[in-house]
């Protein structure tokens, strides 16, 4: 969406250094970092609240259980095919055993 490359970031950094000056730059960087941290924490909290509201853990658990059941069904069908093949290969006198 935004095409910002390294050269654009470098230009912004140099302009910021010129405008802010070297004495105010560390405080400004600290403040910006603090705001980004707060934003990340807010977004993380909002995401976890939405997931809790929707019940995403239960949905994931159900999907996982459904996948396990499909795998078990495939394995069962495969074993039945192998048993049927084995039964058809055995001589007639061993089939009754």
PDB file of N, CA and C in Angstrom:
ATOM      1  N   UNK A   1       0.821  -1.178   0.000  1.00  0.00           N
ATOM      2  CA  UNK A   1       0.000   0.000   0.000  1.00  0.00           C
ATOM      3  C   UNK A   1       0.873   1.253   0.000  1.00  0.00           C
ATOM      4  N   UNK A   2       1.748   1.383   0.987  1.00  0.00           N
ATOM      5  CA  UNK A   2       2.675   2.499   1.016  1.00  0.00           C
ATOM      6  C   UNK A   2       4.013   2.000   0.517  1.00  0.00           C
ATOM      7  N   UNK A   3       4.550   2.690  -0.449  1.00  0.00           N
ATOM      8  CA  UNK A   3       5.842   2.287  -1.006  1.00  0.00           C
ATOM      9  C   UNK A   3       6.911   3.216  -0.457  1.00  0.00           C
ATOM     10  N   UNK A   4       7.388   2.899   0.744  1.00  0.00           N
ATOM     11  CA  UNK A   4       8.410   3.707   1.390  1.00  0.00           C
ATOM     12  C   UNK A   4       9.682   2.878   1.429  1.00  0.00           C
ATOM     13  N   UNK A   5      10.700   3.374   0.773  1.00  0.00           N
ATOM     14  CA  UNK A   5      11.971   2.673   0.725  1.00  0.00           C
ATOM     15  C   UNK A   5      12.965   3.230   1.724  1.00  0.00           C
ATOM     16  N   UNK A   6      14.157   2.650   1.696  1.00  0.00           N
ATOM     17  CA  UNK A   6      15.202   3.069   2.631  1.00  0.00           C
ATOM     18  C   UNK A   6      15.619   4.512   2.369  1.00  0.00           C
ATOM     19  N   UNK A   7      15.690   4.901   1.098  1.00  0.00           N
ATOM     20  CA  UNK A   7      16.128   6.267   0.784  1.00  0.00           C
ATOM     21  C   UNK A   7      15.147   7.302   1.321  1.00  0.00           C
ATOM     22  N   UNK A   8      13.847   7.027   1.238  1.00  0.00           N
ATOM     23  CA  UNK A   8      12.867   7.964   1.783  1.00  0.00           C
ATOM     24  C   UNK A   8      12.994   8.066   3.301  1.00  0.00           C
ATOM     25  N   UNK A   9      13.197   6.933   3.960  1.00  0.00           N
ATOM     26  CA  UNK A   9      13.377   6.957   5.407  1.00  0.00           C
ATOM     27  C   UNK A   9      14.631   7.727   5.798  1.00  0.00           C
ATOM     28  N   UNK A  10      15.691   7.578   5.018  1.00  0.00           N
ATOM     29  CA  UNK A  10      16.936   8.294   5.286  1.00  0.00           C
ATOM     30  C   UNK A  10      16.734   9.796   5.135  1.00  0.00           C
ATOM     31  N   UNK A  11      15.991  10.208   4.127  1.00  0.00           N
ATOM     32  CA  UNK A  11      15.704  11.634   3.929  1.00  0.00           C
ATOM     33  C   UNK A  11      14.890  12.179   5.099  1.00  0.00           C
ATOM     34  N   UNK A  12      13.894  11.445   5.540  1.00  0.00           N
ATOM     35  CA  UNK A  12      13.087  11.875   6.683  1.00  0.00           C
ATOM     36  C   UNK A  12      13.956  11.981   7.934  1.00  0.00           C
ATOM     37  N   UNK A  13      14.852  11.027   8.156  1.00  0.00           N
ATOM     38  CA  UNK A  13      15.729  11.054   9.323  1.00  0.00           C
ATOM     39  C   UNK A  13      16.650  12.263   9.301  1.00  0.00           C
ATOM     40  N   UNK A  14      17.224  12.569   8.142  1.00  0.00           N
ATOM     41  CA  UNK A  14      18.128  13.718   8.027  1.00  0.00           C
ATOM     42  C   UNK A  14      17.354  15.015   8.237  1.00  0.00           C
ATOM     43  N   UNK A  15      16.180  15.132   7.644  1.00  0.00           N
ATOM     44  CA  UNK A  15      15.364  16.339   7.834  1.00  0.00           C
ATOM     45  C   UNK A  15      14.947  16.495   9.294  1.00  0.00           C
ATOM     46  N   UNK A  16      14.611  15.404   9.942  1.00  0.00           N
ATOM     47  CA  UNK A  16      14.240  15.458  11.357  1.00  0.00           C
ATOM     48  C   UNK A  16      15.420  15.918  12.202  1.00  0.00           C
ATOM     49  N   UNK A  17      16.600  15.412  11.899  1.00  0.00           N
ATOM     50  CA  UNK A  17      17.801  15.820  12.628  1.00  0.00           C
ATOM     51  C   UNK A  17      18.064  17.303  12.441  1.00  0.00           C
ATOM     52  N   UNK A  18      17.858  17.809  11.227  1.00  0.00           N
ATOM     53  CA  UNK A  18      18.088  19.233  10.957  1.00  0.00           C
ATOM     54  C   UNK A  18      17.045  20.082  11.679  1.00  0.00           C
ATOM     55  N   UNK A  19      15.768  19.697  11.596  1.00  0.00           N
ATOM     56  CA  UNK A  19      14.695  20.499  12.192  1.00  0.00           C
ATOM     57  C   UNK A  19      14.726  20.414  13.713  1.00  0.00           C
ATOM     58  N   UNK A  20      14.844  19.219  14.263  1.00  0.00           N
ATOM     59  CA  UNK A  20      14.774  19.037  15.709  1.00  0.00           C
ATOM     60  C   UNK A  20      16.078  19.443  16.396  1.00  0.00           C
ATOM     61  N   UNK A  21      17.154  19.214  15.742  1.00  0.00           N
ATOM     62  CA  UNK A  21      18.441  19.483  16.366  1.00  0.00           C
ATOM     63  C   UNK A  21      18.887  18.290  17.187  1.00  0.00           C
ATOM     64  N   UNK A  22      20.194  18.140  17.315  1.00  0.00           N
ATOM     65  CA  UNK A  22      20.717  16.957  18.028  1.00  0.00           C
ATOM     66  C   UNK A  22      20.383  16.939  19.517  1.00  0.00           C
ATOM     67  N   UNK A  23      20.106  18.088  20.125  1.00  0.00           N
ATOM     68  CA  UNK A  23      19.847  18.092  21.562  1.00  0.00           C
ATOM     69  C   UNK A  23      18.416  17.650  21.892  1.00  0.00           C
ATOM     70  N   UNK A  24      17.449  17.874  21.022  1.00  0.00           N
ATOM     71  CA  UNK A  24      16.064  17.466  21.288  1.00  0.00           C
ATOM     72  C   UNK A  24      15.697  16.132  20.644  1.00  0.00           C
ATOM     73  N   UNK A  25      16.536  15.629  19.774  1.00  0.00           N
ATOM     74  CA  UNK A  25      16.218  14.400  19.039  1.00  0.00           C
ATOM     75  C   UNK A  25      16.053  13.179  19.952  1.00  0.00           C
ATOM     76  N   UNK A  26      16.946  12.934  20.928  1.00  0.00           N
ATOM     77  CA  UNK A  26      16.740  11.738  21.788  1.00  0.00           C
ATOM     78  C   UNK A  26      15.417  11.765  22.542  1.00  0.00           C
ATOM     79  N   UNK A  27      15.011  12.931  23.035  1.00  0.00           N
ATOM     80  CA  UNK A  27      13.739  13.028  23.751  1.00  0.00           C
ATOM     81  C   UNK A  27      12.564  12.761  22.810  1.00  0.00           C
ATOM     82  N   UNK A  28      12.662  13.263  21.600  1.00  0.00           N
ATOM     83  CA  UNK A  28      11.604  13.051  20.615  1.00  0.00           C
ATOM     84  C   UNK A  28      11.496  11.576  20.241  1.00  0.00           C
ATOM     85  N   UNK A  29      12.629  10.918  20.046  1.00  0.00           N
ATOM     86  CA  UNK A  29      12.638   9.490  19.705  1.00  0.00           C
ATOM     87  C   UNK A  29      12.038   8.686  20.856  1.00  0.00           C
ATOM     88  N   UNK A  30      12.378   9.050  22.096  1.00  0.00           N
ATOM     89  CA  UNK A  30      11.822   8.362  23.258  1.00  0.00           C
ATOM     90  C   UNK A  30      10.308   8.522  23.321  1.00  0.00           C
ATOM     91  N   UNK A  31       9.829   9.728  23.059  1.00  0.00           N
ATOM     92  CA  UNK A  31       8.398   9.984  23.086  1.00  0.00           C
ATOM     93  C   UNK A  31       7.669   9.197  21.999  1.00  0.00           C
ATOM     94  N   UNK A  32       8.241   9.192  20.805  1.00  0.00           N
ATOM     95  CA  UNK A  32       7.625   8.445  19.698  1.00  0.00           C
ATOM     96  C   UNK A  32       7.616   6.955  20.011  1.00  0.00           C
ATOM     97  N   UNK A  33       8.707   6.458  20.574  1.00  0.00           N
ATOM     98  CA  UNK A  33       8.768   5.038  20.945  1.00  0.00           C
ATOM     99  C   UNK A  33       7.716   4.705  22.003  1.00  0.00           C
ATOM    100  N   UNK A  34       7.522   5.605  22.946  1.00  0.00           N
ATOM    101  CA  UNK A  34       6.515   5.396  23.982  1.00  0.00           C
ATOM    102  C   UNK A  34       5.124   5.320  23.368  1.00  0.00           C
ATOM    103  N   UNK A  35       4.820   6.211  22.442  1.00  0.00           N
ATOM    104  CA  UNK A  35       3.505   6.198  21.795  1.00  0.00           C
ATOM    105  C   UNK A  35       3.297   4.947  20.961  1.00  0.00           C
ATOM    106  N   UNK A  36       4.349   4.517  20.246  1.00  0.00           N
ATOM    107  CA  UNK A  36       4.232   3.278  19.473  1.00  0.00           C
ATOM    108  C   UNK A  36       4.009   2.083  20.396  1.00  0.00           C
ATOM    109  N   UNK A  37       4.681   2.060  21.542  1.00  0.00           N
ATOM    110  CA  UNK A  37       4.469   0.990  22.513  1.00  0.00           C
ATOM    111  C   UNK A  37       3.051   0.956  23.035  1.00  0.00           C
ATOM    112  N   UNK A  38       2.527   2.150  23.336  1.00  0.00           N
ATOM    113  CA  UNK A  38       1.143   2.225  23.813  1.00  0.00           C
ATOM    114  C   UNK A  38       0.165   1.778  22.731  1.00  0.00           C
ATOM    115  N   UNK A  39       0.435   2.168  21.492  1.00  0.00           N
ATOM    116  CA  UNK A  39      -0.426   1.758  20.381  1.00  0.00           C
ATOM    117  C   UNK A  39      -0.407   0.246  20.202  1.00  0.00           C
ATOM    118  N   UNK A  40       0.786  -0.348  20.273  1.00  0.00           N
ATOM    119  CA  UNK A  40       0.896  -1.808  20.155  1.00  0.00           C
ATOM    120  C   UNK A  40       0.131  -2.506  21.277  1.00  0.00           C
ATOM    121  N   UNK A  41       0.273  -1.997  22.488  1.00  0.00           N
ATOM    122  CA  UNK A  41      -0.419  -2.597  23.627  1.00  0.00           C
ATOM    123  C   UNK A  41      -1.931  -2.477  23.453  1.00  0.00           C
ATOM    124  N   UNK A  42      -2.389  -1.322  23.002  1.00  0.00           N
ATOM    125  CA  UNK A  42      -3.817  -1.120  22.768  1.00  0.00           C
ATOM    126  C   UNK A  42      -4.339  -2.092  21.716  1.00  0.00           C
ATOM    127  N   UNK A  43      -3.600  -2.212  20.602  1.00  0.00           N
ATOM    128  CA  UNK A  43      -4.034  -3.122  19.538  1.00  0.00           C
ATOM    129  C   UNK A  43      -4.016  -4.572  19.995  1.00  0.00           C
ATOM    130  N   UNK A  44      -3.023  -4.935  20.776  1.00  0.00           N
ATOM    131  CA  UNK A  44      -2.950  -6.303  21.300  1.00  0.00           C
ATOM    132  C   UNK A  44      -4.120  -6.588  22.231  1.00  0.00           C
ATOM    133  N   UNK A  45      -4.430  -5.649  23.098  1.00  0.00           N
ATOM    134  CA  UNK A  45      -5.553  -5.812  24.017  1.00  0.00           C
ATOM    135  C   UNK A  45      -6.865  -5.901  23.250  1.00  0.00           C
ATOM    136  N   UNK A  46      -7.028  -5.023  22.258  1.00  0.00           N
ATOM    137  CA  UNK A  46      -8.260  -5.032  21.468  1.00  0.00           C
ATOM    138  C   UNK A  46      -8.410  -6.356  20.728  1.00  0.00           C
ATOM    139  N   UNK A  47      -7.313  -6.863  20.174  1.00  0.00           N
ATOM    140  CA  UNK A  47      -7.368  -8.132  19.454  1.00  0.00           C
ATOM    141  C   UNK A  47      -7.758  -9.276  20.381  1.00  0.00           C
ATOM    142  N   UNK A  48      -7.143  -9.335  21.544  1.00  0.00           N
ATOM    143  CA  UNK A  48      -7.469 -10.428  22.472  1.00  0.00           C
ATOM    144  C   UNK A  48      -8.916 -10.323  22.957  1.00  0.00           C
ATOM    145  N   UNK A  49      -9.413  -9.105  23.156  1.00  0.00           N
ATOM    146  CA  UNK A  49     -10.812  -8.950  23.573  1.00  0.00           C
ATOM    147  C   UNK A  49     -11.765  -9.397  22.467  1.00  0.00           C
ATOM    148  N   UNK A  50     -11.431  -9.060  21.230  1.00  0.00           N
ATOM    149  CA  UNK A  50     -12.275  -9.488  20.105  1.00  0.00           C
ATOM    150  C   UNK A  50     -12.248 -11.005  19.978  1.00  0.00           C
ATOM    151  N   UNK A  51     -11.050 -11.601  20.112  1.00  0.00           N
ATOM    152  CA  UNK A  51     -10.953 -13.064  20.036  1.00  0.00           C
ATOM    153  C   UNK A  51     -11.743 -13.729  21.152  1.00  0.00           C
ATOM    154  N   UNK A  52     -11.690 -13.148  22.346  1.00  0.00           N
ATOM    155  CA  UNK A  52     -12.461 -13.708  23.459  1.00  0.00           C
ATOM    156  C   UNK A  52     -13.959 -13.576  23.195  1.00  0.00           C
ATOM    157  N   UNK A  53     -14.353 -12.439  22.642  1.00  0.00           N
ATOM    158  CA  UNK A  53     -15.769 -12.197  22.364  1.00  0.00           C
ATOM    159  C   UNK A  53     -16.293 -13.178  21.326  1.00  0.00           C
ATOM    160  N   UNK A  54     -15.502 -13.395  20.297  1.00  0.00           N
ATOM    161  CA  UNK A  54     -15.924 -14.283  19.211  1.00  0.00           C
ATOM    162  C   UNK A  54     -15.804 -15.744  19.633  1.00  0.00           C
ATOM    163  N   UNK A  55     -14.913 -16.032  20.557  1.00  0.00           N
ATOM    164  CA  UNK A  55     -14.683 -17.409  20.975  1.00  0.00           C
ATOM    165  C   UNK A  55     -13.759 -18.132  20.019  1.00  0.00           C
ATOM    166  N   UNK A  56     -12.713 -17.448  19.600  1.00  0.00           N
ATOM    167  CA  UNK A  56     -11.810 -17.993  18.587  1.00  0.00           C
ATOM    168  C   UNK A  56     -11.116 -19.270  19.070  1.00  0.00           C
ATOM    169  N   UNK A  57     -10.859 -19.368  20.373  1.00  0.00           N
ATOM    170  CA  UNK A  57     -10.215 -20.580  20.888  1.00  0.00           C
ATOM    171  C   UNK A  57     -11.095 -21.805  20.673  1.00  0.00           C
ATOM    172  N   UNK A  58     -12.383 -21.638  20.921  1.00  0.00           N
ATOM    173  CA  UNK A  58     -13.315 -22.755  20.730  1.00  0.00           C
ATOM    174  C   UNK A  58     -13.399 -23.135  19.255  1.00  0.00           C
ATOM    175  N   UNK A  59     -13.406 -22.142  18.384  1.00  0.00           N
ATOM    176  CA  UNK A  59     -13.464 -22.407  16.939  1.00  0.00           C
ATOM    177  C   UNK A  59     -12.213 -23.154  16.500  1.00  0.00           C
ATOM    178  N   UNK A  60     -11.050 -22.708  16.971  1.00  0.00           N
ATOM    179  CA  UNK A  60      -9.793 -23.399  16.624  1.00  0.00           C
ATOM    180  C   UNK A  60      -9.800 -24.838  17.120  1.00  0.00           C
ATOM    181  N   UNK A  61     -10.302 -25.030  18.325  1.00  0.00           N
ATOM    182  CA  UNK A  61     -10.359 -26.372  18.904  1.00  0.00           C
ATOM    183  C   UNK A  61     -11.285 -27.275  18.082  1.00  0.00           C
ATOM    184  N   UNK A  62     -12.438 -26.735  17.666  1.00  0.00           N
ATOM    185  CA  UNK A  62     -13.365 -27.518  16.848  1.00  0.00           C
ATOM    186  C   UNK A  62     -12.760 -27.865  15.495  1.00  0.00           C
ATOM    187  N   UNK A  63     -12.088 -26.904  14.871  1.00  0.00           N
ATOM    188  CA  UNK A  63     -11.448 -27.178  13.581  1.00  0.00           C
ATOM    189  C   UNK A  63     -10.366 -28.239  13.718  1.00  0.00           C
ATOM    190  N   UNK A  64      -9.602 -28.165  14.803  1.00  0.00           N
ATOM    191  CA  UNK A  64      -8.565 -29.164  15.046  1.00  0.00           C
ATOM    192  C   UNK A  64      -9.186 -30.549  15.247  1.00  0.00           C
ATOM    193  N   UNK A  65     -10.268 -30.611  16.017  1.00  0.00           N
ATOM    194  CA  UNK A  65     -10.945 -31.896  16.242  1.00  0.00           C
ATOM    195  C   UNK A  65     -11.520 -32.456  14.948  1.00  0.00           C
ATOM    196  N   UNK A  66     -12.082 -31.583  14.112  1.00  0.00           N
ATOM    197  CA  UNK A  66     -12.620 -32.040  12.829  1.00  0.00           C
ATOM    198  C   UNK A  66     -11.512 -32.587  11.937  1.00  0.00           C
ATOM    199  N   UNK A  67     -10.354 -31.940  11.958  1.00  0.00           N
ATOM    200  CA  UNK A  67      -9.216 -32.427  11.165  1.00  0.00           C
ATOM    201  C   UNK A  67      -8.774 -33.797  11.665  1.00  0.00           C
ATOM    202  N   UNK A  68      -8.731 -33.980  12.969  1.00  0.00           N
ATOM    203  CA  UNK A  68      -8.358 -35.279  13.538  1.00  0.00           C
ATOM    204  C   UNK A  68      -9.368 -36.340  13.127  1.00  0.00           C
ATOM    205  N   UNK A  69     -10.654 -36.015  13.177  1.00  0.00           N
ATOM    206  CA  UNK A  69     -11.684 -36.983  12.789  1.00  0.00           C
ATOM    207  C   UNK A  69     -11.563 -37.343  11.302  1.00  0.00           C
ATOM    208  N   UNK A  70     -11.276 -36.370  10.442  1.00  0.00           N
ATOM    209  CA  UNK A  70     -11.082 -36.671   9.012  1.00  0.00           C
ATOM    210  C   UNK A  70      -9.871 -37.584   8.810  1.00  0.00           C
ATOM    211  N   UNK A  71      -8.787 -37.310   9.541  1.00  0.00           N
ATOM    212  CA  UNK A  71      -7.599 -38.155   9.431  1.00  0.00           C
ATOM    213  C   UNK A  71      -7.890 -39.573   9.905  1.00  0.00           C
ATOM    214  N   UNK A  72      -8.640 -39.711  11.008  1.00  0.00           N
ATOM    215  CA  UNK A  72      -8.994 -41.039  11.501  1.00  0.00           C
ATOM    216  C   UNK A  72      -9.868 -41.794  10.495  1.00  0.00           C
ATOM    217  N   UNK A  73     -10.794 -41.084   9.877  1.00  0.00           N
ATOM    218  CA  UNK A  73     -11.665 -41.715   8.875  1.00  0.00           C
ATOM    219  C   UNK A  73     -10.849 -42.183   7.670  1.00  0.00           C
ATOM    220  N   UNK A  74      -9.903 -41.367   7.232  1.00  0.00           N
ATOM    221  CA  UNK A  74      -9.039 -41.766   6.113  1.00  0.00           C
ATOM    222  C   UNK A  74      -8.223 -43.005   6.473  1.00  0.00           C
ATOM    223  N   UNK A  75      -7.681 -43.015   7.691  1.00  0.00           N
ATOM    224  CA  UNK A  75      -6.888 -44.158   8.141  1.00  0.00           C
ATOM    225  C   UNK A  75      -7.749 -45.407   8.228  1.00  0.00           C
ATOM    226  N   UNK A  76      -8.957 -45.266   8.741  1.00  0.00           N
ATOM    227  CA  UNK A  76      -9.877 -46.402   8.850  1.00  0.00           C
ATOM    228  C   UNK A  76     -10.193 -46.962   7.463  1.00  0.00           C
ATOM    229  N   UNK A  77     -10.497 -46.068   6.509  1.00  0.00           N
ATOM    230  CA  UNK A  77     -10.793 -46.522   5.146  1.00  0.00           C
ATOM    231  C   UNK A  77      -9.594 -47.212   4.516  1.00  0.00           C
ATOM    232  N   UNK A  78      -8.413 -46.663   4.769  1.00  0.00           N
ATOM    233  CA  UNK A  78      -7.201 -47.272   4.218  1.00  0.00           C
ATOM    234  C   UNK A  78      -6.984 -48.665   4.812  1.00  0.00           C
ATOM    235  N   UNK A  79      -7.164 -48.796   6.126  1.00  0.00           N
ATOM    236  CA  UNK A  79      -6.989 -50.100   6.763  1.00  0.00           C
ATOM    237  C   UNK A  79      -8.032 -51.106   6.268  1.00  0.00           C
ATOM    238  N   UNK A  80      -9.258 -50.644   6.047  1.00  0.00           N
ATOM    239  CA  UNK A  80     -10.288 -51.541   5.513  1.00  0.00           C
ATOM    240  C   UNK A  80      -9.917 -51.993   4.106  1.00  0.00           C
ATOM    241  N   UNK A  81      -9.373 -51.089   3.289  1.00  0.00           N
ATOM    242  CA  UNK A  81      -8.936 -51.457   1.944  1.00  0.00           C
ATOM    243  C   UNK A  81      -7.802 -52.475   1.990  1.00  0.00           C
ATOM    244  N   UNK A  82      -6.858 -52.255   2.898  1.00  0.00           N
ATOM    245  CA  UNK A  82      -5.739 -53.194   3.036  1.00  0.00           C
ATOM    246  C   UNK A  82      -6.247 -54.549   3.501  1.00  0.00           C
ATOM    247  N   UNK A  83      -7.160 -54.567   4.469  1.00  0.00           N
ATOM    248  CA  UNK A  83      -7.710 -55.827   4.969  1.00  0.00           C
ATOM    249  C   UNK A  83      -8.480 -56.542   3.870  1.00  0.00           C
ATOM    250  N   UNK A  84      -9.217 -55.794   3.084  1.00  0.00           N
ATOM    251  CA  UNK A  84      -9.981 -56.399   1.993  1.00  0.00           C
ATOM    252  C   UNK A  84      -9.028 -56.965   0.931  1.00  0.00           C
ATOM    253  N   UNK A  85      -7.977 -56.238   0.637  1.00  0.00           N
ATOM    254  CA  UNK A  85      -6.989 -56.718  -0.329  1.00  0.00           C
ATOM    255  C   UNK A  85      -6.302 -57.969   0.202  1.00  0.00           C
ATOM    256  N   UNK A  86      -5.943 -57.927   1.484  1.00  0.00           N
ATOM    257  CA  UNK A  86      -5.291 -59.074   2.113  1.00  0.00           C
ATOM    258  C   UNK A  86      -6.227 -60.283   2.092  1.00  0.00           C
ATOM    259  N   UNK A  87      -7.492 -60.068   2.361  1.00  0.00           N
ATOM    260  CA  UNK A  87      -8.467 -61.150   2.388  1.00  0.00           C
ATOM    261  C   UNK A  87      -8.629 -61.754   0.990  1.00  0.00           C
ATOM    262  N   UNK A  88      -8.595 -60.922  -0.031  1.00  0.00           N
ATOM    263  CA  UNK A  88      -8.766 -61.437  -1.391  1.00  0.00           C
ATOM    264  C   UNK A  88      -7.517 -62.168  -1.878  1.00  0.00           C
ATOM    265  N   UNK A  89      -6.353 -61.886  -1.290  1.00  0.00           N
ATOM    266  CA  UNK A  89      -5.110 -62.536  -1.713  1.00  0.00           C
ATOM    267  C   UNK A  89      -4.943 -63.902  -1.056  1.00  0.00           C
ATOM    268  N   UNK A  90      -5.426 -64.064   0.174  1.00  0.00           N
ATOM    269  CA  UNK A  90      -5.249 -65.316   0.905  1.00  0.00           C
ATOM    270  C   UNK A  90      -5.938 -66.468   0.189  1.00  0.00           C
ATOM    271  N   UNK A  91      -5.350 -67.667   0.285  1.00  0.00           N
ATOM    272  CA  UNK A  91      -6.027 -68.847  -0.278  1.00  0.00           C
ATOM    273  C   UNK A  91      -7.327 -69.118   0.477  1.00  0.00           C
ATOM    274  N   UNK A  92      -8.220 -69.866  -0.171  1.00  0.00           N
ATOM    275  CA  UNK A  92      -9.552 -70.140   0.395  1.00  0.00           C
ATOM    276  C   UNK A  92      -9.493 -70.866   1.734  1.00  0.00           C
ATOM    277  N   UNK A  93      -8.525 -71.746   1.945  1.00  0.00           N
ATOM    278  CA  UNK A  93      -8.489 -72.479   3.200  1.00  0.00           C
ATOM    279  C   UNK A  93      -8.038 -71.601   4.373  1.00  0.00           C
ATOM    280  N   UNK A  94      -7.332 -70.503   4.136  1.00  0.00           N
ATOM    281  CA  UNK A  94      -6.921 -69.602   5.234  1.00  0.00           C
ATOM    282  C   UNK A  94      -7.940 -68.516   5.518  1.00  0.00           C
ATOM    283  N   UNK A  95      -8.887 -68.295   4.639  1.00  0.00           N
ATOM    284  CA  UNK A  95      -9.892 -67.257   4.833  1.00  0.00           C
ATOM    285  C   UNK A  95     -10.838 -67.598   5.978  1.00  0.00           C
ATOM    286  N   UNK A  96     -11.062 -68.846   6.245  1.00  0.00           N
ATOM    287  CA  UNK A  96     -11.985 -69.259   7.299  1.00  0.00           C
ATOM    288  C   UNK A  96     -11.362 -69.194   8.673  1.00  0.00           C
ATOM    289  N   UNK A  97     -10.078 -68.966   8.775  1.00  0.00           N
ATOM    290  CA  UNK A  97      -9.383 -68.974  10.055  1.00  0.00           C
ATOM    291  C   UNK A  97      -9.584 -67.719  10.809  1.00  0.00           C
TER     292      UNK A  97
END
